[in-house]
Amino acid sequence: MRWFHTAVVTLFGVLVIVFAVENAQSVTLSFLGSSITMPMVIQVAIIYVLGMATGTSLWALLRRAVEGAKRTEPAARP
């Protein structure tokens, strides 16, 4: 199983390197009237990292809300 895991990680690494080499040309990204030109692979990496950060934050927020809802007991009426 260890060899399979190593092969999958190696294959993924090779695919990332091939992607980076093939997408080294500069592209322009426009957003809200501003634009920036940089290699596509850098833009993809930045968007990937931002997606991980926001996805993780959303997951933590939802998990906290569900746990809080489970712990909250209805208020006693006088």
Protein backbone atom coordinates (compact mmCIF):
# COMPACT_ATOMS: atom_id res chain seq x y z
CA MET A 1 0.00 0.00 0.00
CA ARG A 2 2.90 2.34 0.72
CA TRP A 3 4.17 1.90 -2.86
CA PHE A 4 0.74 2.73 -4.25
CA HIS A 5 0.59 5.91 -2.16
CA THR A 6 4.09 6.89 -3.27
CA ALA A 7 3.18 6.27 -6.92
CA VAL A 8 0.02 8.39 -6.65
CA VAL A 9 1.89 11.28 -5.00
CA THR A 10 4.68 11.06 -7.59
CA LEU A 11 2.19 11.02 -10.46
CA PHE A 12 0.39 14.03 -9.00
CA GLY A 13 3.70 15.88 -8.64
CA VAL A 14 4.63 15.13 -12.26
CA LEU A 15 1.21 16.34 -13.44
CA VAL A 16 1.63 19.59 -11.48
CA ILE A 17 5.05 20.17 -13.05
CA VAL A 18 3.68 19.46 -16.55
CA PHE A 19 0.80 21.88 -15.89
CA ALA A 20 3.24 24.57 -14.75
CA VAL A 21 5.48 24.15 -17.80
CA GLU A 22 2.60 24.15 -20.27
CA ASN A 23 0.89 27.18 -18.70
CA ALA A 24 3.85 29.50 -18.24
CA GLN A 25 2.45 32.14 -20.61
CA SER A 26 1.17 35.37 -19.10
CA VAL A 27 -2.54 36.04 -18.95
CA THR A 28 -4.50 39.07 -17.78
CA LEU A 29 -7.06 38.77 -15.01
CA SER A 30 -9.60 41.59 -14.74
CA PHE A 31 -11.74 42.16 -11.67
CA LEU A 32 -13.77 45.22 -10.67
CA GLY A 33 -12.06 47.52 -13.13
CA SER A 34 -8.51 46.54 -12.24
CA SER A 35 -6.36 44.04 -14.06
CA ILE A 36 -3.17 42.14 -13.41
CA THR A 37 -0.93 40.20 -15.76
CA MET A 38 1.03 37.21 -14.49
CA PRO A 39 1.74 33.60 -15.48
CA MET A 40 -1.37 31.44 -15.47
CA VAL A 41 0.13 28.85 -13.15
CA ILE A 42 0.65 31.52 -10.45
CA GLN A 43 -2.96 32.71 -10.81
CA VAL A 44 -4.22 29.14 -10.51
CA ALA A 45 -2.08 28.56 -7.40
CA ILE A 46 -3.34 31.77 -5.76
CA ILE A 47 -6.96 30.91 -6.52
CA TYR A 48 -6.42 27.37 -5.21
CA VAL A 49 -4.97 28.64 -1.92
CA LEU A 50 -7.79 31.18 -1.52
CA GLY A 51 -10.31 28.43 -2.18
CA MET A 52 -8.72 26.21 0.47
CA ALA A 53 -8.76 29.05 3.01
CA THR A 54 -12.38 30.03 2.39
CA GLY A 55 -13.57 26.44 2.12
CA THR A 56 -11.92 25.50 5.40
CA SER A 57 -13.33 28.59 7.11
CA LEU A 58 -16.85 27.85 5.86
CA TRP A 59 -16.60 24.22 6.97
CA ALA A 60 -15.45 25.28 10.47
CA LEU A 61 -18.25 27.86 10.71
CA LEU A 62 -20.91 25.31 9.72
CA ARG A 63 -19.52 22.69 12.09
CA ARG A 64 -19.55 25.20 14.97
CA ALA A 65 -23.14 26.19 14.15
CA VAL A 66 -24.30 22.57 14.14
CA GLU A 67 -22.52 21.79 17.40
CA GLY A 68 -23.97 24.93 18.99
CA ALA A 69 -27.46 23.98 17.87
CA LYS A 70 -27.09 20.54 19.43
CA ARG A 71 -25.95 21.97 22.79
CA THR A 72 -28.52 24.75 23.07
CA GLU A 73 -31.44 23.89 25.27
CA PRO A 74 -34.73 25.77 24.99
CA ALA A 75 -35.18 28.54 27.55
CA ALA A 76 -37.44 27.70 30.47
CA ARG A 77 -40.64 29.72 30.62
CA PRO A 78 -41.73 31.14 33.99
